[in-house]
Amino acid sequence: MVCSNSLKSESENTAPWLLKEELRRAGSLLIEIARECAVPAGHALAVDRTTFAAKSRQPSRGTLIPFAAKNSPGYESTITILATGPLTSDALSQELPA
């Protein structure tokens, strides 16, 4: 979810704000953690990456399952968010449903 330390604008009625507002209303733990780890950044929501990463991995916050191989078990039968980016392996991108 965080490529840099910025989750972009917190100015109302902007696309980044709207996305974060929808996540807040849905009870997103990552947005809650981002608020806890926020650092001054003008109109942006920026986080201390080290603190954000550590808090995101706490067992009480959910389960982080890093993987890059094919046939990764466990996510087919539950709601799962896979945080991946432009460097996603070919094996993983072929495994994900369209």
PDB file of N, CA and C in Angstrom:
ATOM      1  N   MET A   1       0.810  -1.189   0.000  1.00  0.00           N
ATOM      2  CA  MET A   1       0.000   0.000   0.000  1.00  0.00           C
ATOM      3  C   MET A   1       0.854   1.254   0.000  1.00  0.00           C
ATOM      4  N   VAL A   2       2.001   1.168   0.603  1.00  0.00           N
ATOM      5  CA  VAL A   2       2.844   2.361   0.696  1.00  0.00           C
ATOM      6  C   VAL A   2       4.131   2.124  -0.074  1.00  0.00           C
ATOM      7  N   CYS A   3       4.262   2.805  -1.213  1.00  0.00           N
ATOM      8  CA  CYS A   3       5.495   2.717  -1.991  1.00  0.00           C
ATOM      9  C   CYS A   3       6.502   3.739  -1.476  1.00  0.00           C
ATOM     10  N   SER A   4       5.997   4.889  -1.110  1.00  0.00           N
ATOM     11  CA  SER A   4       6.829   5.908  -0.487  1.00  0.00           C
ATOM     12  C   SER A   4       6.249   6.099   0.904  1.00  0.00           C
ATOM     13  N   ASN A   5       6.439   7.244   1.475  1.00  0.00           N
ATOM     14  CA  ASN A   5       5.835   7.458   2.782  1.00  0.00           C
ATOM     15  C   ASN A   5       4.559   8.281   2.685  1.00  0.00           C
ATOM     16  N   SER A   6       4.119   8.642   1.479  1.00  0.00           N
ATOM     17  CA  SER A   6       2.961   9.511   1.319  1.00  0.00           C
ATOM     18  C   SER A   6       1.750   8.762   0.775  1.00  0.00           C
ATOM     19  N   LEU A   7       0.620   8.977   1.426  1.00  0.00           N
ATOM     20  CA  LEU A   7      -0.654   8.448   0.942  1.00  0.00           C
ATOM     21  C   LEU A   7      -1.446   9.567   0.261  1.00  0.00           C
ATOM     22  N   LYS A   8      -0.751  10.575  -0.139  1.00  0.00           N
ATOM     23  CA  LYS A   8      -1.265  11.696  -0.936  1.00  0.00           C
ATOM     24  C   LYS A   8      -2.214  12.595  -0.149  1.00  0.00           C
ATOM     25  N   SER A   9      -2.965  13.388  -0.873  1.00  0.00           N
ATOM     26  CA  SER A   9      -3.729  14.506  -0.325  1.00  0.00           C
ATOM     27  C   SER A   9      -4.800  14.117   0.685  1.00  0.00           C
ATOM     28  N   GLU A  10      -4.911  14.972   1.709  1.00  0.00           N
ATOM     29  CA  GLU A  10      -6.002  14.884   2.669  1.00  0.00           C
ATOM     30  C   GLU A  10      -6.977  16.036   2.454  1.00  0.00           C
ATOM     31  N   SER A  11      -6.808  16.777   1.354  1.00  0.00           N
ATOM     32  CA  SER A  11      -7.725  17.858   1.027  1.00  0.00           C
ATOM     33  C   SER A  11      -9.029  17.268   0.518  1.00  0.00           C
ATOM     34  N   GLU A  12     -10.140  17.693   1.143  1.00  0.00           N
ATOM     35  CA  GLU A  12     -11.449  17.155   0.772  1.00  0.00           C
ATOM     36  C   GLU A  12     -11.726  17.322  -0.720  1.00  0.00           C
ATOM     37  N   ASN A  13     -12.498  16.380  -1.231  1.00  0.00           N
ATOM     38  CA  ASN A  13     -12.961  16.382  -2.619  1.00  0.00           C
ATOM     39  C   ASN A  13     -11.842  16.197  -3.641  1.00  0.00           C
ATOM     40  N   THR A  14     -10.763  15.574  -3.218  1.00  0.00           N
ATOM     41  CA  THR A  14      -9.728  15.154  -4.159  1.00  0.00           C
ATOM     42  C   THR A  14      -9.812  13.632  -4.257  1.00  0.00           C
ATOM     43  N   ALA A  15      -9.318  13.072  -5.328  1.00  0.00           N
ATOM     44  CA  ALA A  15      -9.385  11.620  -5.510  1.00  0.00           C
ATOM     45  C   ALA A  15      -8.661  10.866  -4.385  1.00  0.00           C
ATOM     46  N   PRO A  16      -7.445  11.272  -3.988  1.00  0.00           N
ATOM     47  CA  PRO A  16      -6.782  10.546  -2.894  1.00  0.00           C
ATOM     48  C   PRO A  16      -7.565  10.632  -1.581  1.00  0.00           C
ATOM     49  N   TRP A  17      -8.119  11.786  -1.289  1.00  0.00           N
ATOM     50  CA  TRP A  17      -8.917  11.940  -0.065  1.00  0.00           C
ATOM     51  C   TRP A  17     -10.142  11.033  -0.119  1.00  0.00           C
ATOM     52  N   LEU A  18     -10.818  10.999  -1.258  1.00  0.00           N
ATOM     53  CA  LEU A  18     -12.024  10.189  -1.392  1.00  0.00           C
ATOM     54  C   LEU A  18     -11.716   8.710  -1.183  1.00  0.00           C
ATOM     55  N   LEU A  19     -10.636   8.230  -1.769  1.00  0.00           N
ATOM     56  CA  LEU A  19     -10.253   6.833  -1.575  1.00  0.00           C
ATOM     57  C   LEU A  19      -9.995   6.542  -0.101  1.00  0.00           C
ATOM     58  N   LYS A  20      -9.241   7.416   0.563  1.00  0.00           N
ATOM     59  CA  LYS A  20      -8.964   7.201   1.982  1.00  0.00           C
ATOM     60  C   LYS A  20     -10.228   7.318   2.820  1.00  0.00           C
ATOM     61  N   GLU A  21     -11.129   8.201   2.462  1.00  0.00           N
ATOM     62  CA  GLU A  21     -12.396   8.341   3.189  1.00  0.00           C
ATOM     63  C   GLU A  21     -13.229   7.066   3.057  1.00  0.00           C
ATOM     64  N   GLU A  22     -13.261   6.488   1.878  1.00  0.00           N
ATOM     65  CA  GLU A  22     -13.984   5.222   1.695  1.00  0.00           C
ATOM     66  C   GLU A  22     -13.346   4.121   2.533  1.00  0.00           C
ATOM     67  N   LEU A  23     -12.022   4.090   2.586  1.00  0.00           N
ATOM     68  CA  LEU A  23     -11.328   3.100   3.404  1.00  0.00           C
ATOM     69  C   LEU A  23     -11.607   3.317   4.889  1.00  0.00           C
ATOM     70  N   ARG A  24     -11.640   4.584   5.324  1.00  0.00           N
ATOM     71  CA  ARG A  24     -11.958   4.883   6.725  1.00  0.00           C
ATOM     72  C   ARG A  24     -13.361   4.392   7.073  1.00  0.00           C
ATOM     73  N   ARG A  25     -14.313   4.704   6.207  1.00  0.00           N
ATOM     74  CA  ARG A  25     -15.711   4.301   6.455  1.00  0.00           C
ATOM     75  C   ARG A  25     -15.878   2.796   6.443  1.00  0.00           C
ATOM     76  N   ALA A  26     -15.009   2.099   5.709  1.00  0.00           N
ATOM     77  CA  ALA A  26     -15.065   0.634   5.654  1.00  0.00           C
ATOM     78  C   ALA A  26     -14.323  -0.004   6.831  1.00  0.00           C
ATOM     79  N   GLY A  27     -13.692   0.824   7.664  1.00  0.00           N
ATOM     80  CA  GLY A  27     -12.985   0.302   8.830  1.00  0.00           C
ATOM     81  C   GLY A  27     -11.594  -0.215   8.534  1.00  0.00           C
ATOM     82  N   SER A  28     -10.937   0.340   7.527  1.00  0.00           N
ATOM     83  CA  SER A  28      -9.604  -0.115   7.149  1.00  0.00           C
ATOM     84  C   SER A  28      -8.602   0.018   8.288  1.00  0.00           C
ATOM     85  N   LEU A  29      -7.997  -1.094   8.650  1.00  0.00           N
ATOM     86  CA  LEU A  29      -6.968  -1.068   9.683  1.00  0.00           C
ATOM     87  C   LEU A  29      -5.719  -0.336   9.203  1.00  0.00           C
ATOM     88  N   LEU A  30      -5.413  -0.447   7.909  1.00  0.00           N
ATOM     89  CA  LEU A  30      -4.213   0.225   7.394  1.00  0.00           C
ATOM     90  C   LEU A  30      -4.343   1.739   7.460  1.00  0.00           C
ATOM     91  N   ILE A  31      -5.530   2.269   7.217  1.00  0.00           N
ATOM     92  CA  ILE A  31      -5.722   3.711   7.326  1.00  0.00           C
ATOM     93  C   ILE A  31      -5.622   4.127   8.799  1.00  0.00           C
ATOM     94  N   GLU A  32      -6.160   3.309   9.691  1.00  0.00           N
ATOM     95  CA  GLU A  32      -6.046   3.586  11.125  1.00  0.00           C
ATOM     96  C   GLU A  32      -4.578   3.605  11.545  1.00  0.00           C
ATOM     97  N   ILE A  33      -3.816   2.645  11.074  1.00  0.00           N
ATOM     98  CA  ILE A  33      -2.388   2.583  11.397  1.00  0.00           C
ATOM     99  C   ILE A  33      -1.662   3.787  10.796  1.00  0.00           C
ATOM    100  N   ALA A  34      -2.038   4.168   9.579  1.00  0.00           N
ATOM    101  CA  ALA A  34      -1.414   5.338   8.942  1.00  0.00           C
ATOM    102  C   ALA A  34      -1.627   6.583   9.791  1.00  0.00           C
ATOM    103  N   ARG A  35      -2.815   6.749  10.338  1.00  0.00           N
ATOM    104  CA  ARG A  35      -3.098   7.896  11.213  1.00  0.00           C
ATOM    105  C   ARG A  35      -2.192   7.858  12.447  1.00  0.00           C
ATOM    106  N   GLU A  36      -2.014   6.654  13.008  1.00  0.00           N
ATOM    107  CA  GLU A  36      -1.164   6.506  14.195  1.00  0.00           C
ATOM    108  C   GLU A  36       0.294   6.839  13.890  1.00  0.00           C
ATOM    109  N   CYS A  37       0.716   6.630  12.660  1.00  0.00           N
ATOM    110  CA  CYS A  37       2.117   6.811  12.265  1.00  0.00           C
ATOM    111  C   CYS A  37       2.338   8.081  11.451  1.00  0.00           C
ATOM    112  N   ALA A  38       1.347   8.951  11.425  1.00  0.00           N
ATOM    113  CA  ALA A  38       1.415  10.152  10.585  1.00  0.00           C
ATOM    114  C   ALA A  38       2.562  11.065  11.016  1.00  0.00           C
ATOM    115  N   VAL A  39       3.182  11.673  10.014  1.00  0.00           N
ATOM    116  CA  VAL A  39       4.219  12.683  10.225  1.00  0.00           C
ATOM    117  C   VAL A  39       3.793  13.935   9.462  1.00  0.00           C
ATOM    118  N   PRO A  40       4.271  15.096   9.864  1.00  0.00           N
ATOM    119  CA  PRO A  40       3.891  16.343   9.186  1.00  0.00           C
ATOM    120  C   PRO A  40       4.228  16.291   7.699  1.00  0.00           C
ATOM    121  N   ALA A  41       3.233  16.656   6.864  1.00  0.00           N
ATOM    122  CA  ALA A  41       3.448  16.640   5.413  1.00  0.00           C
ATOM    123  C   ALA A  41       2.500  17.588   4.693  1.00  0.00           C
ATOM    124  N   GLY A  42       2.238  18.723   5.290  1.00  0.00           N
ATOM    125  CA  GLY A  42       1.335  19.671   4.637  1.00  0.00           C
ATOM    126  C   GLY A  42      -0.068  19.106   4.522  1.00  0.00           C
ATOM    127  N   HIS A  43      -0.595  19.050   3.302  1.00  0.00           N
ATOM    128  CA  HIS A  43      -1.953  18.560   3.074  1.00  0.00           C
ATOM    129  C   HIS A  43      -2.003  17.061   2.767  1.00  0.00           C
ATOM    130  N   ALA A  44      -0.890  16.373   2.921  1.00  0.00           N
ATOM    131  CA  ALA A  44      -0.847  14.945   2.608  1.00  0.00           C
ATOM    132  C   ALA A  44      -0.886  14.114   3.893  1.00  0.00           C
ATOM    133  N   LEU A  45      -1.315  12.882   3.748  1.00  0.00           N
ATOM    134  CA  LEU A  45      -1.178  11.910   4.827  1.00  0.00           C
ATOM    135  C   LEU A  45       0.113  11.157   4.542  1.00  0.00           C
ATOM    136  N   ALA A  46       1.117  11.428   5.346  1.00  0.00           N
ATOM    137  CA  ALA A  46       2.405  10.757   5.196  1.00  0.00           C
ATOM    138  C   ALA A  46       2.689  10.004   6.482  1.00  0.00           C
ATOM    139  N   VAL A  47       3.423   8.912   6.361  1.00  0.00           N
ATOM    140  CA  VAL A  47       3.694   8.073   7.526  1.00  0.00           C
ATOM    141  C   VAL A  47       5.188   7.857   7.698  1.00  0.00           C
ATOM    142  N   ASP A  48       5.559   7.525   8.927  1.00  0.00           N
ATOM    143  CA  ASP A  48       6.904   7.035   9.193  1.00  0.00           C
ATOM    144  C   ASP A  48       6.893   5.596   8.717  1.00  0.00           C
ATOM    145  N   ARG A  49       7.622   5.297   7.650  1.00  0.00           N
ATOM    146  CA  ARG A  49       7.555   3.965   7.028  1.00  0.00           C
ATOM    147  C   ARG A  49       7.959   2.836   7.968  1.00  0.00           C
ATOM    148  N   THR A  50       8.965   3.071   8.784  1.00  0.00           N
ATOM    149  CA  THR A  50       9.429   2.020   9.690  1.00  0.00           C
ATOM    150  C   THR A  50       8.348   1.688  10.721  1.00  0.00           C
ATOM    151  N   THR A  51       7.769   2.712  11.326  1.00  0.00           N
ATOM    152  CA  THR A  51       6.713   2.503  12.319  1.00  0.00           C
ATOM    153  C   THR A  51       5.481   1.899  11.674  1.00  0.00           C
ATOM    154  N   PHE A  52       5.109   2.407  10.489  1.00  0.00           N
ATOM    155  CA  PHE A  52       3.939   1.890   9.774  1.00  0.00           C
ATOM    156  C   PHE A  52       4.117   0.402   9.465  1.00  0.00           C
ATOM    157  N   ALA A  53       5.289   0.026   8.980  1.00  0.00           N
ATOM    158  CA  ALA A  53       5.548  -1.378   8.647  1.00  0.00           C
ATOM    159  C   ALA A  53       5.477  -2.252   9.895  1.00  0.00           C
ATOM    160  N   ALA A  54       6.065  -1.792  10.975  1.00  0.00           N
ATOM    161  CA  ALA A  54       6.071  -2.584  12.214  1.00  0.00           C
ATOM    162  C   ALA A  54       4.657  -2.764  12.753  1.00  0.00           C
ATOM    163  N   LYS A  55       3.882  -1.698  12.788  1.00  0.00           N
ATOM    164  CA  LYS A  55       2.513  -1.792  13.307  1.00  0.00           C
ATOM    165  C   LYS A  55       1.620  -2.616  12.388  1.00  0.00           C
ATOM    166  N   SER A  56       1.871  -2.570  11.097  1.00  0.00           N
ATOM    167  CA  SER A  56       1.062  -3.328  10.145  1.00  0.00           C
ATOM    168  C   SER A  56       1.278  -4.822  10.285  1.00  0.00           C
ATOM    169  N   ARG A  57       2.415  -5.201  10.822  1.00  0.00           N
ATOM    170  CA  ARG A  57       2.755  -6.620  10.955  1.00  0.00           C
ATOM    171  C   ARG A  57       2.379  -7.210  12.311  1.00  0.00           C
ATOM    172  N   GLN A  58       1.847  -6.394  13.214  1.00  0.00           N
ATOM    173  CA  GLN A  58       1.456  -6.900  14.524  1.00  0.00           C
ATOM    174  C   GLN A  58       0.345  -7.934  14.363  1.00  0.00           C
ATOM    175  N   PRO A  59       0.449  -9.074  15.043  1.00  0.00           N
ATOM    176  CA  PRO A  59      -0.561 -10.130  14.903  1.00  0.00           C
ATOM    177  C   PRO A  59      -1.984  -9.656  15.162  1.00  0.00           C
ATOM    178  N   SER A  60      -2.172  -8.716  16.071  1.00  0.00           N
ATOM    179  CA  SER A  60      -3.522  -8.251  16.381  1.00  0.00           C
ATOM    180  C   SER A  60      -4.127  -7.420  15.256  1.00  0.00           C
ATOM    181  N   ARG A  61      -3.315  -7.006  14.305  1.00  0.00           N
ATOM    182  CA  ARG A  61      -3.773  -6.154  13.205  1.00  0.00           C
ATOM    183  C   ARG A  61      -4.235  -6.945  11.996  1.00  0.00           C
ATOM    184  N   GLY A  62      -3.943  -8.207  11.960  1.00  0.00           N
ATOM    185  CA  GLY A  62      -4.289  -9.012  10.787  1.00  0.00           C
ATOM    186  C   GLY A  62      -3.111  -9.898  10.450  1.00  0.00           C
ATOM    187  N   THR A  63      -3.148 -10.470   9.294  1.00  0.00           N
ATOM    188  CA  THR A  63      -2.091 -11.384   8.897  1.00  0.00           C
ATOM    189  C   THR A  63      -1.430 -10.884   7.621  1.00  0.00           C
ATOM    190  N   LEU A  64      -0.145 -10.762   7.653  1.00  0.00           N
ATOM    191  CA  LEU A  64       0.626 -10.397   6.471  1.00  0.00           C
ATOM    192  C   LEU A  64       1.293 -11.666   5.980  1.00  0.00           C
ATOM    193  N   ILE A  65       0.990 -12.040   4.739  1.00  0.00           N
ATOM    194  CA  ILE A  65       1.556 -13.259   4.174  1.00  0.00           C
ATOM    195  C   ILE A  65       2.360 -12.887   2.940  1.00  0.00           C
ATOM    196  N   PRO A  66       3.657 -12.660   3.088  1.00  0.00           N
ATOM    197  CA  PRO A  66       4.452 -12.364   1.904  1.00  0.00           C
ATOM    198  C   PRO A  66       4.639 -13.636   1.079  1.00  0.00           C
ATOM    199  N   PHE A  67       4.435 -13.515  -0.208  1.00  0.00           N
ATOM    200  CA  PHE A  67       4.657 -14.663  -1.073  1.00  0.00           C
ATOM    201  C   PHE A  67       4.882 -14.193  -2.501  1.00  0.00           C
ATOM    202  N   ALA A  68       5.551 -15.043  -3.257  1.00  0.00           N
ATOM    203  CA  ALA A  68       5.804 -14.719  -4.650  1.00  0.00           C
ATOM    204  C   ALA A  68       5.719 -15.949  -5.531  1.00  0.00           C
ATOM    205  N   ALA A  69       5.439 -17.096  -4.943  1.00  0.00           N
ATOM    206  CA  ALA A  69       5.414 -18.336  -5.715  1.00  0.00           C
ATOM    207  C   ALA A  69       3.998 -18.672  -6.163  1.00  0.00           C
ATOM    208  N   LYS A  70       3.917 -19.516  -7.157  1.00  0.00           N
ATOM    209  CA  LYS A  70       2.615 -19.974  -7.627  1.00  0.00           C
ATOM    210  C   LYS A  70       1.956 -20.842  -6.567  1.00  0.00           C
ATOM    211  N   ASN A  71       0.632 -20.959  -6.701  1.00  0.00           N
ATOM    212  CA  ASN A  71      -0.168 -21.818  -5.827  1.00  0.00           C
ATOM    213  C   ASN A  71      -0.040 -21.453  -4.354  1.00  0.00           C
ATOM    214  N   SER A  72      -0.045 -20.174  -4.064  1.00  0.00           N
ATOM    215  CA  SER A  72       0.005 -19.728  -2.676  1.00  0.00           C
ATOM    216  C   SER A  72      -1.332 -20.045  -2.011  1.00  0.00           C
ATOM    217  N   PRO A  73      -1.322 -20.820  -0.956  1.00  0.00           N
ATOM    218  CA  PRO A  73      -2.564 -21.282  -0.343  1.00  0.00           C
ATOM    219  C   PRO A  73      -3.215 -20.241   0.553  1.00  0.00           C
ATOM    220  N   GLY A  74      -4.511 -20.419   0.776  1.00  0.00           N
ATOM    221  CA  GLY A  74      -5.166 -19.701   1.839  1.00  0.00           C
ATOM    222  C   GLY A  74      -6.006 -18.502   1.470  1.00  0.00           C
ATOM    223  N   TYR A  75      -5.813 -17.913   0.331  1.00  0.00           N
ATOM    224  CA  TYR A  75      -6.566 -16.701   0.063  1.00  0.00           C
ATOM    225  C   TYR A  75      -7.780 -16.916  -0.816  1.00  0.00           C
ATOM    226  N   GLU A  76      -7.993 -18.093  -1.312  1.00  0.00           N
ATOM    227  CA  GLU A  76      -9.103 -18.330  -2.228  1.00  0.00           C
ATOM    228  C   GLU A  76     -10.462 -18.282  -1.541  1.00  0.00           C
ATOM    229  N   SER A  77     -10.543 -18.653  -0.268  1.00  0.00           N
ATOM    230  CA  SER A  77     -11.827 -18.792   0.395  1.00  0.00           C
ATOM    231  C   SER A  77     -12.141 -17.670   1.376  1.00  0.00           C
ATOM    232  N   THR A  78     -11.414 -16.599   1.324  1.00  0.00           N
ATOM    233  CA  THR A  78     -11.655 -15.495   2.244  1.00  0.00           C
ATOM    234  C   THR A  78     -11.416 -14.174   1.521  1.00  0.00           C
ATOM    235  N   ILE A  79     -11.909 -13.103   2.096  1.00  0.00           N
ATOM    236  CA  ILE A  79     -11.647 -11.784   1.523  1.00  0.00           C
ATOM    237  C   ILE A  79     -10.192 -11.453   1.791  1.00  0.00           C
ATOM    238  N   THR A  80      -9.459 -11.183   0.733  1.00  0.00           N
ATOM    239  CA  THR A  80      -8.033 -10.956   0.853  1.00  0.00           C
ATOM    240  C   THR A  80      -7.626  -9.778  -0.010  1.00  0.00           C
ATOM    241  N   ILE A  81      -6.774  -8.949   0.523  1.00  0.00           N
ATOM    242  CA  ILE A  81      -6.201  -7.847  -0.250  1.00  0.00           C
ATOM    243  C   ILE A  81      -4.742  -8.198  -0.497  1.00  0.00           C
ATOM    244  N   LEU A  82      -4.386  -8.288  -1.755  1.00  0.00           N
ATOM    245  CA  LEU A  82      -2.994  -8.539  -2.112  1.00  0.00           C
ATOM    246  C   LEU A  82      -2.375  -7.209  -2.507  1.00  0.00           C
ATOM    247  N   ALA A  83      -1.408  -6.766  -1.731  1.00  0.00           N
ATOM    248  CA  ALA A  83      -0.733  -5.513  -2.030  1.00  0.00           C
ATOM    249  C   ALA A  83       0.466  -5.830  -2.899  1.00  0.00           C
ATOM    250  N   THR A  84       0.380  -5.454  -4.142  1.00  0.00           N
ATOM    251  CA  THR A  84       1.452  -5.740  -5.077  1.00  0.00           C
ATOM    252  C   THR A  84       1.623  -4.523  -5.981  1.00  0.00           C
ATOM    253  N   GLY A  85       2.620  -4.506  -6.766  1.00  0.00           N
ATOM    254  CA  GLY A  85       2.882  -3.326  -7.574  1.00  0.00           C
ATOM    255  C   GLY A  85       3.496  -3.673  -8.906  1.00  0.00           C
ATOM    256  N   PRO A  86       4.204  -2.711  -9.492  1.00  0.00           N
ATOM    257  CA  PRO A  86       4.738  -2.917 -10.837  1.00  0.00           C
ATOM    258  C   PRO A  86       5.813  -4.001 -10.916  1.00  0.00           C
ATOM    259  N   LEU A  87       6.346  -4.419  -9.797  1.00  0.00           N
ATOM    260  CA  LEU A  87       7.375  -5.449  -9.811  1.00  0.00           C
ATOM    261  C   LEU A  87       6.813  -6.824  -9.461  1.00  0.00           C
ATOM    262  N   THR A  88       5.498  -6.996  -9.594  1.00  0.00           N
ATOM    263  CA  THR A  88       4.858  -8.282  -9.328  1.00  0.00           C
ATOM    264  C   THR A  88       5.465  -9.344 -10.228  1.00  0.00           C
ATOM    265  N   SER A  89       5.760 -10.487  -9.649  1.00  0.00           N
ATOM    266  CA  SER A  89       6.368 -11.557 -10.445  1.00  0.00           C
ATOM    267  C   SER A  89       5.371 -12.063 -11.491  1.00  0.00           C
ATOM    268  N   ASP A  90       5.887 -12.568 -12.576  1.00  0.00           N
ATOM    269  CA  ASP A  90       5.029 -13.141 -13.619  1.00  0.00           C
ATOM    270  C   ASP A  90       4.204 -14.296 -13.057  1.00  0.00           C
ATOM    271  N   ALA A  91       4.811 -15.125 -12.202  1.00  0.00           N
ATOM    272  CA  ALA A  91       4.105 -16.270 -11.620  1.00  0.00           C
ATOM    273  C   ALA A  91       2.898 -15.799 -10.815  1.00  0.00           C
ATOM    274  N   LEU A  92       3.065 -14.773 -10.001  1.00  0.00           N
ATOM    275  CA  LEU A  92       1.959 -14.279  -9.189  1.00  0.00           C
ATOM    276  C   LEU A  92       0.888 -13.640 -10.059  1.00  0.00           C
ATOM    277  N   SER A  93       1.271 -12.834 -11.022  1.00  0.00           N
ATOM    278  CA  SER A  93       0.264 -12.160 -11.852  1.00  0.00           C
ATOM    279  C   SER A  93      -0.542 -13.158 -12.657  1.00  0.00           C
ATOM    280  N   GLN A  94       0.055 -14.279 -13.048  1.00  0.00           N
ATOM    281  CA  GLN A  94      -0.688 -15.312 -13.780  1.00  0.00           C
ATOM    282  C   GLN A  94      -1.611 -16.097 -12.864  1.00  0.00           C
ATOM    283  N   GLU A  95      -1.274 -16.164 -11.587  1.00  0.00           N
ATOM    284  CA  GLU A  95      -2.073 -16.907 -10.625  1.00  0.00           C
ATOM    285  C   GLU A  95      -3.348 -16.163 -10.220  1.00  0.00           C
ATOM    286  N   LEU A  96      -3.298 -14.842 -10.204  1.00  0.00           N
ATOM    287  CA  LEU A  96      -4.430 -14.056  -9.741  1.00  0.00           C
ATOM    288  C   LEU A  96      -5.595 -14.116 -10.714  1.00  0.00           C
ATOM    289  N   PRO A  97      -6.826 -14.168 -10.192  1.00  0.00           N
ATOM    290  CA  PRO A  97      -7.986 -14.178 -11.076  1.00  0.00           C
ATOM    291  C   PRO A  97      -8.117 -12.839 -11.794  1.00  0.00           C
ATOM    292  N   ALA A  98      -8.706 -12.883 -12.975  1.00  0.00           N
ATOM    293  CA  ALA A  98      -8.871 -11.657 -13.768  1.00  0.00           C
ATOM    294  C   ALA A  98      -9.975 -10.795 -13.213  1.00  0.00           C
TER     295      ALA A  98
END
